[in-house]
PDB file of all heavy atoms in Angstrom:
ATOM      1  N   SER A   1     -84.144  87.422 -75.193  1.00  0.00           N
ATOM      2  CA  SER A   1     -83.417  88.252 -74.237  1.00  0.00           C
ATOM      3  C   SER A   1     -82.771  87.448 -73.111  1.00  0.00           C
ATOM      4  O   SER A   1     -81.608  87.683 -72.756  1.00  0.00           O
ATOM      5  CB  SER A   1     -84.348  89.324 -73.645  1.00  0.00           C
ATOM      6  OG  SER A   1     -85.437  88.736 -72.959  1.00  0.00           O
ATOM      7  N   ASP A   2     -83.506  86.480 -72.525  1.00  0.00           N
ATOM      8  CA  ASP A   2     -82.915  85.722 -71.422  1.00  0.00           C
ATOM      9  C   ASP A   2     -81.769  84.847 -71.908  1.00  0.00           C
ATOM     10  O   ASP A   2     -80.740  84.718 -71.230  1.00  0.00           O
ATOM     11  CB  ASP A   2     -83.993  84.889 -70.718  1.00  0.00           C
ATOM     12  CG  ASP A   2     -84.706  83.913 -71.653  1.00  0.00           C
ATOM     13  OD1 ASP A   2     -84.731  84.173 -72.874  1.00  0.00           O
ATOM     14  OD2 ASP A   2     -85.243  82.902 -71.158  1.00  0.00           O
ATOM     15  N   ARG A   3     -81.897  84.258 -73.081  1.00  0.00           N
ATOM     16  CA  ARG A   3     -80.834  83.409 -73.612  1.00  0.00           C
ATOM     17  C   ARG A   3     -79.621  84.225 -74.028  1.00  0.00           C
ATOM     18  O   ARG A   3     -78.474  83.797 -73.833  1.00  0.00           O
ATOM     19  CB  ARG A   3     -81.362  82.589 -74.798  1.00  0.00           C
ATOM     20  CG  ARG A   3     -82.325  81.482 -74.360  1.00  0.00           C
ATOM     21  CD  ARG A   3     -83.057  80.863 -75.522  1.00  0.00           C
ATOM     22  NE  ARG A   3     -83.804  79.679 -75.115  1.00  0.00           N
ATOM     23  CZ  ARG A   3     -85.000  79.716 -74.549  1.00  0.00           C
ATOM     24  NH1 ARG A   3     -85.581  80.883 -74.315  1.00  0.00           N
ATOM     25  NH2 ARG A   3     -85.625  78.596 -74.205  1.00  0.00           N
ATOM     26  N   LEU A   4     -79.844  85.401 -74.594  1.00  0.00           N
ATOM     27  CA  LEU A   4     -78.727  86.259 -74.968  1.00  0.00           C
ATOM     28  C   LEU A   4     -78.015  86.799 -73.730  1.00  0.00           C
ATOM     29  O   LEU A   4     -76.781  86.896 -73.706  1.00  0.00           O
ATOM     30  CB  LEU A   4     -79.226  87.413 -75.842  1.00  0.00           C
ATOM     31  CG  LEU A   4     -79.835  87.016 -77.193  1.00  0.00           C
ATOM     32  CD1 LEU A   4     -80.359  88.243 -77.927  1.00  0.00           C
ATOM     33  CD2 LEU A   4     -78.812  86.278 -78.054  1.00  0.00           C
ATOM     34  N   THR A   5     -78.786  87.142 -72.688  1.00  0.00           N
ATOM     35  CA  THR A   5     -78.187  87.585 -71.428  1.00  0.00           C
ATOM     36  C   THR A   5     -77.321  86.483 -70.840  1.00  0.00           C
ATOM     37  O   THR A   5     -76.202  86.728 -70.366  1.00  0.00           O
ATOM     38  CB  THR A   5     -79.284  87.992 -70.426  1.00  0.00           C
ATOM     39  OG1 THR A   5     -80.023  89.092 -70.963  1.00  0.00           O
ATOM     40  CG2 THR A   5     -78.681  88.399 -69.091  1.00  0.00           C
ATOM     41  N   ASP A   6     -77.814  85.254 -70.902  1.00  0.00           N
ATOM     42  CA  ASP A   6     -77.060  84.122 -70.369  1.00  0.00           C
ATOM     43  C   ASP A   6     -75.838  83.803 -71.234  1.00  0.00           C
ATOM     44  O   ASP A   6     -74.751  83.530 -70.723  1.00  0.00           O
ATOM     45  CB  ASP A   6     -77.973  82.895 -70.292  1.00  0.00           C
ATOM     46  CG  ASP A   6     -77.271  81.678 -69.709  1.00  0.00           C
ATOM     47  OD1 ASP A   6     -76.854  81.740 -68.538  1.00  0.00           O
ATOM     48  OD2 ASP A   6     -77.132  80.672 -70.430  1.00  0.00           O
ATOM     49  N   ALA A   7     -76.004  83.867 -72.558  1.00  0.00           N
ATOM     50  CA  ALA A   7     -74.907  83.493 -73.463  1.00  0.00           C
ATOM     51  C   ALA A   7     -73.776  84.510 -73.460  1.00  0.00           C
ATOM     52  O   ALA A   7     -72.598  84.144 -73.545  1.00  0.00           O
ATOM     53  CB  ALA A   7     -75.437  83.320 -74.883  1.00  0.00           C
ATOM     54  N   PHE A   8     -74.123  85.796 -73.352  1.00  0.00           N
ATOM     55  CA  PHE A   8     -73.114  86.827 -73.500  1.00  0.00           C
ATOM     56  C   PHE A   8     -72.920  87.688 -72.248  1.00  0.00           C
ATOM     57  O   PHE A   8     -72.097  88.605 -72.252  1.00  0.00           O
ATOM     58  CB  PHE A   8     -73.461  87.733 -74.692  1.00  0.00           C
ATOM     59  CG  PHE A   8     -73.641  86.976 -75.981  1.00  0.00           C
ATOM     60  CD1 PHE A   8     -74.855  87.002 -76.656  1.00  0.00           C
ATOM     61  CD2 PHE A   8     -72.601  86.230 -76.519  1.00  0.00           C
ATOM     62  CE1 PHE A   8     -75.030  86.303 -77.848  1.00  0.00           C
ATOM     63  CE2 PHE A   8     -72.768  85.521 -77.702  1.00  0.00           C
ATOM     64  CZ  PHE A   8     -73.975  85.556 -78.372  1.00  0.00           C
ATOM     65  N   GLY A   9     -73.685  87.420 -71.177  1.00  0.00           N
ATOM     66  CA  GLY A   9     -73.530  88.155 -69.916  1.00  0.00           C
ATOM     67  C   GLY A   9     -73.808  89.636 -70.046  1.00  0.00           C
ATOM     68  O   GLY A   9     -73.049  90.462 -69.526  1.00  0.00           O
ATOM     69  N   THR A  10     -74.908  90.006 -70.691  1.00  0.00           N
ATOM     70  CA  THR A  10     -75.184  91.407 -70.996  1.00  0.00           C
ATOM     71  C   THR A  10     -75.898  92.127 -69.855  1.00  0.00           C
ATOM     72  O   THR A  10     -76.667  91.531 -69.102  1.00  0.00           O
ATOM     73  CB  THR A  10     -76.052  91.530 -72.256  1.00  0.00           C
ATOM     74  OG1 THR A  10     -77.296  90.866 -72.036  1.00  0.00           O
ATOM     75  CG2 THR A  10     -75.367  90.917 -73.453  1.00  0.00           C
ATOM     76  N   THR A  11     -75.641  93.440 -69.753  1.00  0.00           N
ATOM     77  CA  THR A  11     -76.468  94.326 -68.945  1.00  0.00           C
ATOM     78  C   THR A  11     -77.656  94.775 -69.789  1.00  0.00           C
ATOM     79  O   THR A  11     -77.748  94.452 -70.980  1.00  0.00           O
ATOM     80  CB  THR A  11     -75.670  95.564 -68.510  1.00  0.00           C
ATOM     81  OG1 THR A  11     -75.331  96.322 -69.689  1.00  0.00           O
ATOM     82  CG2 THR A  11     -74.389  95.167 -67.777  1.00  0.00           C
ATOM     83  N   ALA A  12     -78.565  95.552 -69.171  1.00  0.00           N
ATOM     84  CA  ALA A  12     -79.713  96.059 -69.936  1.00  0.00           C
ATOM     85  C   ALA A  12     -79.256  96.963 -71.071  1.00  0.00           C
ATOM     86  O   ALA A  12     -79.777  96.897 -72.189  1.00  0.00           O
ATOM     87  CB  ALA A  12     -80.667  96.813 -69.010  1.00  0.00           C
ATOM     88  N   ALA A  13     -78.271  97.832 -70.789  1.00  0.00           N
ATOM     89  CA  ALA A  13     -77.779  98.727 -71.834  1.00  0.00           C
ATOM     90  C   ALA A  13     -77.123  97.934 -72.962  1.00  0.00           C
ATOM     91  O   ALA A  13     -77.296  98.247 -74.142  1.00  0.00           O
ATOM     92  CB  ALA A  13     -76.799  99.734 -71.251  1.00  0.00           C
ATOM     93  N   GLN A  14     -76.360  96.886 -72.617  1.00  0.00           N
ATOM     94  CA  GLN A  14     -75.728  96.060 -73.651  1.00  0.00           C
ATOM     95  C   GLN A  14     -76.764  95.289 -74.465  1.00  0.00           C
ATOM     96  O   GLN A  14     -76.628  95.160 -75.682  1.00  0.00           O
ATOM     97  CB  GLN A  14     -74.731  95.092 -73.006  1.00  0.00           C
ATOM     98  CG  GLN A  14     -73.472  95.760 -72.495  1.00  0.00           C
ATOM     99  CD  GLN A  14     -72.581  94.793 -71.736  1.00  0.00           C
ATOM    100  OE1 GLN A  14     -73.059  93.880 -71.058  1.00  0.00           O
ATOM    101  NE2 GLN A  14     -71.276  94.994 -71.838  1.00  0.00           N
ATOM    102  N   LEU A  15     -77.791  94.790 -73.787  1.00  0.00           N
ATOM    103  CA  LEU A  15     -78.855  94.101 -74.517  1.00  0.00           C
ATOM    104  C   LEU A  15     -79.566  95.073 -75.443  1.00  0.00           C
ATOM    105  O   LEU A  15     -79.890  94.745 -76.590  1.00  0.00           O
ATOM    106  CB  LEU A  15     -79.841  93.474 -73.530  1.00  0.00           C
ATOM    107  CG  LEU A  15     -80.970  92.632 -74.143  1.00  0.00           C
ATOM    108  CD1 LEU A  15     -80.408  91.456 -74.928  1.00  0.00           C
ATOM    109  CD2 LEU A  15     -81.921  92.143 -73.048  1.00  0.00           C
ATOM    110  N   GLY A  16     -79.809  96.292 -74.952  1.00  0.00           N
ATOM    111  CA  GLY A  16     -80.423  97.309 -75.805  1.00  0.00           C
ATOM    112  C   GLY A  16     -79.549  97.645 -76.999  1.00  0.00           C
ATOM    113  O   GLY A  16     -80.037  97.851 -78.112  1.00  0.00           O
ATOM    114  N   THR A  17     -78.228  97.696 -76.786  1.00  0.00           N
ATOM    115  CA  THR A  17     -77.303  97.977 -77.882  1.00  0.00           C
ATOM    116  C   THR A  17     -77.282  96.835 -78.885  1.00  0.00           C
ATOM    117  O   THR A  17     -77.245  97.064 -80.107  1.00  0.00           O
ATOM    118  CB  THR A  17     -75.887  98.218 -77.333  1.00  0.00           C
ATOM    119  OG1 THR A  17     -75.915  99.332 -76.431  1.00  0.00           O
ATOM    120  CG2 THR A  17     -74.898  98.506 -78.455  1.00  0.00           C
ATOM    121  N   LEU A  18     -77.286  95.587 -78.394  1.00  0.00           N
ATOM    122  CA  LEU A  18     -77.337  94.432 -79.286  1.00  0.00           C
ATOM    123  C   LEU A  18     -78.599  94.484 -80.140  1.00  0.00           C
ATOM    124  O   LEU A  18     -78.558  94.249 -81.356  1.00  0.00           O
ATOM    125  CB  LEU A  18     -77.293  93.141 -78.462  1.00  0.00           C
ATOM    126  CG  LEU A  18     -77.431  91.821 -79.237  1.00  0.00           C
ATOM    127  CD1 LEU A  18     -76.300  91.670 -80.249  1.00  0.00           C
ATOM    128  CD2 LEU A  18     -77.453  90.638 -78.278  1.00  0.00           C
ATOM    129  N   HIS A  19     -79.720  94.789 -79.509  1.00  0.00           N
ATOM    130  CA  HIS A  19     -80.983  94.926 -80.237  1.00  0.00           C
ATOM    131  C   HIS A  19     -80.899  96.076 -81.242  1.00  0.00           C
ATOM    132  O   HIS A  19     -81.325  95.951 -82.390  1.00  0.00           O
ATOM    133  CB  HIS A  19     -82.098  95.194 -79.223  1.00  0.00           C
ATOM    134  CG  HIS A  19     -83.440  95.474 -79.834  1.00  0.00           C
ATOM    135  ND1 HIS A  19     -84.228  94.503 -80.414  1.00  0.00           N
ATOM    136  CD2 HIS A  19     -84.138  96.635 -79.957  1.00  0.00           C
ATOM    137  CE1 HIS A  19     -85.354  95.042 -80.850  1.00  0.00           C
ATOM    138  NE2 HIS A  19     -85.316  96.333 -80.591  1.00  0.00           N
ATOM    139  N   ALA A  20     -80.296  97.205 -80.811  1.00  0.00           N
ATOM    140  CA  ALA A  20     -80.275  98.407 -81.639  1.00  0.00           C
ATOM    141  C   ALA A  20     -79.254  98.346 -82.759  1.00  0.00           C
ATOM    142  O   ALA A  20     -79.334  99.142 -83.704  1.00  0.00           O
ATOM    143  CB  ALA A  20     -79.992  99.628 -80.763  1.00  0.00           C
ATOM    144  N   ALA A  21     -78.282  97.406 -82.696  1.00  0.00           N
ATOM    145  CA  ALA A  21     -77.273  97.311 -83.755  1.00  0.00           C
ATOM    146  C   ALA A  21     -77.933  97.113 -85.112  1.00  0.00           C
ATOM    147  O   ALA A  21     -77.506  97.677 -86.130  1.00  0.00           O
ATOM    148  CB  ALA A  21     -76.310  96.168 -83.455  1.00  0.00           C
ATOM    149  N   PHE A  22     -78.994  96.325 -85.138  1.00  0.00           N
ATOM    150  CA  PHE A  22     -79.786  96.133 -86.363  1.00  0.00           C
ATOM    151  C   PHE A  22     -80.292  97.469 -86.876  1.00  0.00           C
ATOM    152  O   PHE A  22     -80.145  97.806 -88.057  1.00  0.00           O
ATOM    153  CB  PHE A  22     -80.945  95.192 -86.047  1.00  0.00           C
ATOM    154  CG  PHE A  22     -81.927  94.982 -87.164  1.00  0.00           C
ATOM    155  CD1 PHE A  22     -81.938  93.801 -87.873  1.00  0.00           C
ATOM    156  CD2 PHE A  22     -82.865  95.955 -87.505  1.00  0.00           C
ATOM    157  CE1 PHE A  22     -82.852  93.595 -88.903  1.00  0.00           C
ATOM    158  CE2 PHE A  22     -83.766  95.774 -88.525  1.00  0.00           C
ATOM    159  CZ  PHE A  22     -83.762  94.579 -89.228  1.00  0.00           C
ATOM    160  N   PHE A  23     -80.879  98.260 -85.995  1.00  0.00           N
ATOM    161  CA  PHE A  23     -81.570  99.474 -86.402  1.00  0.00           C
ATOM    162  C   PHE A  23     -80.616 100.599 -86.752  1.00  0.00           C
ATOM    163  O   PHE A  23     -80.925 101.447 -87.590  1.00  0.00           O
ATOM    164  CB  PHE A  23     -82.538  99.899 -85.302  1.00  0.00           C
ATOM    165  CG  PHE A  23     -83.587  98.863 -85.018  1.00  0.00           C
ATOM    166  CD1 PHE A  23     -83.495  98.047 -83.902  1.00  0.00           C
ATOM    167  CD2 PHE A  23     -84.643  98.678 -85.879  1.00  0.00           C
ATOM    168  CE1 PHE A  23     -84.441  97.083 -83.643  1.00  0.00           C
ATOM    169  CE2 PHE A  23     -85.610  97.708 -85.638  1.00  0.00           C
ATOM    170  CZ  PHE A  23     -85.502  96.911 -84.517  1.00  0.00           C
ATOM    171  N   LEU A  24     -79.430 100.632 -86.111  1.00  0.00           N
ATOM    172  CA  LEU A  24     -78.459 101.668 -86.429  1.00  0.00           C
ATOM    173  C   LEU A  24     -78.006 101.545 -87.883  1.00  0.00           C
ATOM    174  O   LEU A  24     -78.024 102.517 -88.643  1.00  0.00           O
ATOM    175  CB  LEU A  24     -77.260 101.557 -85.484  1.00  0.00           C
ATOM    176  CG  LEU A  24     -76.105 102.518 -85.767  1.00  0.00           C
ATOM    177  CD1 LEU A  24     -76.560 103.964 -85.635  1.00  0.00           C
ATOM    178  CD2 LEU A  24     -74.933 102.240 -84.828  1.00  0.00           C
ATOM    179  N   ILE A  25     -77.598 100.334 -88.271  1.00  0.00           N
ATOM    180  CA  ILE A  25     -77.187 100.119 -89.658  1.00  0.00           C
ATOM    181  C   ILE A  25     -78.367 100.321 -90.597  1.00  0.00           C
ATOM    182  O   ILE A  25     -78.231 100.901 -91.684  1.00  0.00           O
ATOM    183  CB  ILE A  25     -76.604  98.701 -89.822  1.00  0.00           C
ATOM    184  CG1 ILE A  25     -75.394  98.519 -88.907  1.00  0.00           C
ATOM    185  CG2 ILE A  25     -76.236  98.435 -91.271  1.00  0.00           C
ATOM    186  CD1 ILE A  25     -74.265  99.495 -89.167  1.00  0.00           C
ATOM    187  N   TYR A  26     -79.524  99.851 -90.192  1.00  0.00           N
ATOM    188  CA  TYR A  26     -80.742  99.986 -90.989  1.00  0.00           C
ATOM    189  C   TYR A  26     -81.017 101.459 -91.278  1.00  0.00           C
ATOM    190  O   TYR A  26     -81.322 101.842 -92.414  1.00  0.00           O
ATOM    191  CB  TYR A  26     -81.889  99.354 -90.224  1.00  0.00           C
ATOM    192  CG  TYR A  26     -83.142  99.050 -91.020  1.00  0.00           C
ATOM    193  CD1 TYR A  26     -83.492  97.734 -91.309  1.00  0.00           C
ATOM    194  CD2 TYR A  26     -83.996 100.052 -91.448  1.00  0.00           C
ATOM    195  CE1 TYR A  26     -84.653  97.430 -92.004  1.00  0.00           C
ATOM    196  CE2 TYR A  26     -85.150  99.767 -92.152  1.00  0.00           C
ATOM    197  CZ  TYR A  26     -85.468  98.456 -92.425  1.00  0.00           C
ATOM    198  OH  TYR A  26     -86.620  98.172 -93.124  1.00  0.00           O
ATOM    199  N   ALA A  27     -80.906 102.292 -90.248  1.00  0.00           N
ATOM    200  CA  ALA A  27     -81.193 103.717 -90.415  1.00  0.00           C
ATOM    201  C   ALA A  27     -80.183 104.391 -91.327  1.00  0.00           C
ATOM    202  O   ALA A  27     -80.546 105.165 -92.227  1.00  0.00           O
ATOM    203  CB  ALA A  27     -81.219 104.400 -89.047  1.00  0.00           C
ATOM    204  N   VAL A  28     -78.906 104.108 -91.111  1.00  0.00           N
ATOM    205  CA  VAL A  28     -77.851 104.734 -91.905  1.00  0.00           C
ATOM    206  C   VAL A  28     -77.998 104.390 -93.381  1.00  0.00           C
ATOM    207  O   VAL A  28     -77.710 105.207 -94.264  1.00  0.00           O
ATOM    208  CB  VAL A  28     -76.461 104.299 -91.382  1.00  0.00           C
ATOM    209  CG1 VAL A  28     -75.357 104.726 -92.332  1.00  0.00           C
ATOM    210  CG2 VAL A  28     -76.214 104.888 -89.990  1.00  0.00           C
ATOM    211  N   ALA A  29     -78.474 103.179 -93.665  1.00  0.00           N
ATOM    212  CA  ALA A  29     -78.542 102.705 -95.046  1.00  0.00           C
ATOM    213  C   ALA A  29     -79.785 103.164 -95.795  1.00  0.00           C
ATOM    214  O   ALA A  29     -79.885 102.929 -97.014  1.00  0.00           O
ATOM    215  CB  ALA A  29     -78.482 101.170 -95.066  1.00  0.00           C
ATOM    216  N   GLN A  30     -80.728 103.826 -95.139  1.00  0.00           N
ATOM    217  CA  GLN A  30     -82.002 104.086 -95.794  1.00  0.00           C
ATOM    218  C   GLN A  30     -81.916 105.005 -97.006  1.00  0.00           C
ATOM    219  O   GLN A  30     -82.474 104.713 -98.059  1.00  0.00           O
ATOM    220  CB  GLN A  30     -83.005 104.650 -94.781  1.00  0.00           C
ATOM    221  CG  GLN A  30     -83.570 103.616 -93.832  1.00  0.00           C
ATOM    222  CD  GLN A  30     -84.149 102.424 -94.556  1.00  0.00           C
ATOM    223  OE1 GLN A  30     -85.186 102.512 -95.183  1.00  0.00           O
ATOM    224  NE2 GLN A  30     -83.460 101.296 -94.476  1.00  0.00           N
ATOM    225  N   ILE A  31     -81.249 106.139 -96.892  1.00  0.00           N
ATOM    226  CA  ILE A  31     -81.183 107.049 -98.036  1.00  0.00           C
ATOM    227  C   ILE A  31     -80.376 106.440 -99.184  1.00  0.00           C
ATOM    228  O   ILE A  31     -80.816 106.495-100.340  1.00  0.00           O
ATOM    229  CB  ILE A  31     -80.647 108.427 -97.606  1.00  0.00           C
ATOM    230  CG1 ILE A  31     -81.696 109.113 -96.705  1.00  0.00           C
ATOM    231  CG2 ILE A  31     -80.344 109.302 -98.823  1.00  0.00           C
ATOM    232  CD1 ILE A  31     -81.268 110.460 -96.172  1.00  0.00           C
ATOM    233  N   PRO A  32     -79.200 105.822 -98.923  1.00  0.00           N
ATOM    234  CA  PRO A  32     -78.552 105.086-100.027  1.00  0.00           C
ATOM    235  C   PRO A  32     -79.460 104.028-100.642  1.00  0.00           C
ATOM    236  O   PRO A  32     -79.435 103.809-101.856  1.00  0.00           O
ATOM    237  CB  PRO A  32     -77.328 104.456 -99.355  1.00  0.00           C
ATOM    238  CG  PRO A  32     -77.020 105.357 -98.211  1.00  0.00           C
ATOM    239  CD  PRO A  32     -78.353 105.838 -97.726  1.00  0.00           C
ATOM    240  N   THR A  33     -80.272 103.390 -99.803  1.00  0.00           N
ATOM    241  CA  THR A  33     -81.215 102.397-100.315  1.00  0.00           C
ATOM    242  C   THR A  33     -82.211 103.034-101.275  1.00  0.00           C
ATOM    243  O   THR A  33     -82.543 102.460-102.321  1.00  0.00           O
ATOM    244  CB  THR A  33     -81.972 101.732 -99.152  1.00  0.00           C
ATOM    245  OG1 THR A  33     -81.060 100.935 -98.407  1.00  0.00           O
ATOM    246  CG2 THR A  33     -83.101 100.851 -99.656  1.00  0.00           C
ATOM    247  N   GLY A  34     -82.705 104.223-100.925  1.00  0.00           N
ATOM    248  CA  GLY A  34     -83.620 104.914-101.824  1.00  0.00           C
ATOM    249  C   GLY A  34     -82.985 105.200-103.175  1.00  0.00           C
ATOM    250  O   GLY A  34     -83.618 105.048-104.224  1.00  0.00           O
ATOM    251  N   VAL A  35     -81.713 105.598-103.147  1.00  0.00           N
ATOM    252  CA  VAL A  35     -80.994 105.847-104.395  1.00  0.00           C
ATOM    253  C   VAL A  35     -80.861 104.557-105.200  1.00  0.00           C
ATOM    254  O   VAL A  35     -81.114 104.517-106.410  1.00  0.00           O
ATOM    255  CB  VAL A  35     -79.601 106.447-104.103  1.00  0.00           C
ATOM    256  CG1 VAL A  35     -78.812 106.605-105.404  1.00  0.00           C
ATOM    257  CG2 VAL A  35     -79.736 107.787-103.387  1.00  0.00           C
ATOM    258  N   LEU A  36     -80.477 103.467-104.509  1.00  0.00           N
ATOM    259  CA  LEU A  36     -80.326 102.176-105.191  1.00  0.00           C
ATOM    260  C   LEU A  36     -81.650 101.681-105.760  1.00  0.00           C
ATOM    261  O   LEU A  36     -81.715 101.169-106.887  1.00  0.00           O
ATOM    262  CB  LEU A  36     -79.751 101.141-104.227  1.00  0.00           C
ATOM    263  CG  LEU A  36     -78.299 101.358-103.786  1.00  0.00           C
ATOM    264  CD1 LEU A  36     -77.932 100.374-102.679  1.00  0.00           C
ATOM    265  CD2 LEU A  36     -77.345 101.207-104.964  1.00  0.00           C
ATOM    266  N   ALA A  37     -82.729 101.820-104.957  1.00  0.00           N
ATOM    267  CA  ALA A  37     -84.041 101.361-105.420  1.00  0.00           C
ATOM    268  C   ALA A  37     -84.504 102.145-106.640  1.00  0.00           C
ATOM    269  O   ALA A  37     -85.092 101.579-107.571  1.00  0.00           O
ATOM    270  CB  ALA A  37     -85.065 101.482-104.289  1.00  0.00           C
ATOM    271  N   ASP A  38     -84.237 103.463-106.651  1.00  0.00           N
ATOM    272  CA  ASP A  38     -84.627 104.281-107.791  1.00  0.00           C
ATOM    273  C   ASP A  38     -83.834 103.920-109.046  1.00  0.00           C
ATOM    274  O   ASP A  38     -84.360 103.961-110.159  1.00  0.00           O
ATOM    275  CB  ASP A  38     -84.418 105.768-107.470  1.00  0.00           C
ATOM    276  CG  ASP A  38     -85.489 106.323-106.533  1.00  0.00           C
ATOM    277  OD1 ASP A  38     -86.569 105.722-106.448  1.00  0.00           O
ATOM    278  OD2 ASP A  38     -85.233 107.359-105.891  1.00  0.00           O
ATOM    279  N   ARG A  39     -82.553 103.562-108.894  1.00  0.00           N
ATOM    280  CA  ARG A  39     -81.679 103.359-110.055  1.00  0.00           C
ATOM    281  C   ARG A  39     -81.642 101.908-110.543  1.00  0.00           C
ATOM    282  O   ARG A  39     -81.592 101.659-111.743  1.00  0.00           O
ATOM    283  CB  ARG A  39     -80.254 103.818-109.723  1.00  0.00           C
ATOM    284  CG  ARG A  39     -80.106 105.331-109.682  1.00  0.00           C
ATOM    285  CD  ARG A  39     -78.673 105.744-109.398  1.00  0.00           C
ATOM    286  NE  ARG A  39     -77.748 105.259-110.413  1.00  0.00           N
ATOM    287  CZ  ARG A  39     -77.551 105.814-111.605  1.00  0.00           C
ATOM    288  NH1 ARG A  39     -78.228 106.892-111.945  1.00  0.00           N
ATOM    289  NH2 ARG A  39     -76.671 105.315-112.451  1.00  0.00           N
ATOM    290  N   PHE A  40     -81.648 100.936-109.629  1.00  0.00           N
ATOM    291  CA  PHE A  40     -81.392  99.552-110.023  1.00  0.00           C
ATOM    292  C   PHE A  40     -82.589  98.624-109.873  1.00  0.00           C
ATOM    293  O   PHE A  40     -82.600  97.522-110.422  1.00  0.00           O
ATOM    294  CB  PHE A  40     -80.202  98.992-109.232  1.00  0.00           C
ATOM    295  CG  PHE A  40     -78.935  99.741-109.471  1.00  0.00           C
ATOM    296  CD1 PHE A  40     -78.395 100.555-108.485  1.00  0.00           C
ATOM    297  CD2 PHE A  40     -78.284  99.658-110.684  1.00  0.00           C
ATOM    298  CE1 PHE A  40     -77.228 101.264-108.712  1.00  0.00           C
ATOM    299  CE2 PHE A  40     -77.106 100.351-110.916  1.00  0.00           C
ATOM    300  CZ  PHE A  40     -76.577 101.166-109.932  1.00  0.00           C
ATOM    301  N   GLY A  41     -83.596  99.028-109.116  1.00  0.00           N
ATOM    302  CA  GLY A  41     -84.821  98.258-109.053  1.00  0.00           C
ATOM    303  C   GLY A  41     -84.796  97.092-108.084  1.00  0.00           C
ATOM    304  O   GLY A  41     -83.763  96.753-107.498  1.00  0.00           O
ATOM    305  N   PRO A  42     -85.947  96.444-107.912  1.00  0.00           N
ATOM    306  CA  PRO A  42     -86.107  95.438-106.859  1.00  0.00           C
ATOM    307  C   PRO A  42     -85.401  94.119-107.129  1.00  0.00           C
ATOM    308  O   PRO A  42     -85.079  93.396-106.192  1.00  0.00           O
ATOM    309  CB  PRO A  42     -87.619  95.247-106.788  1.00  0.00           C
ATOM    310  CG  PRO A  42     -88.105  95.591-108.170  1.00  0.00           C
ATOM    311  CD  PRO A  42     -87.207  96.711-108.613  1.00  0.00           C
TER     312      PRO A  42
END
């Protein structure tokens, strides 16, 4: 967090958004992932 704040000049909300970018895509992809896992395997 301190290095990212220094590197990109983030506020708390921006740092939270940077952290959450992972989880937003992760969440959206879950149900398609279930379909893929059921059909194509690991």
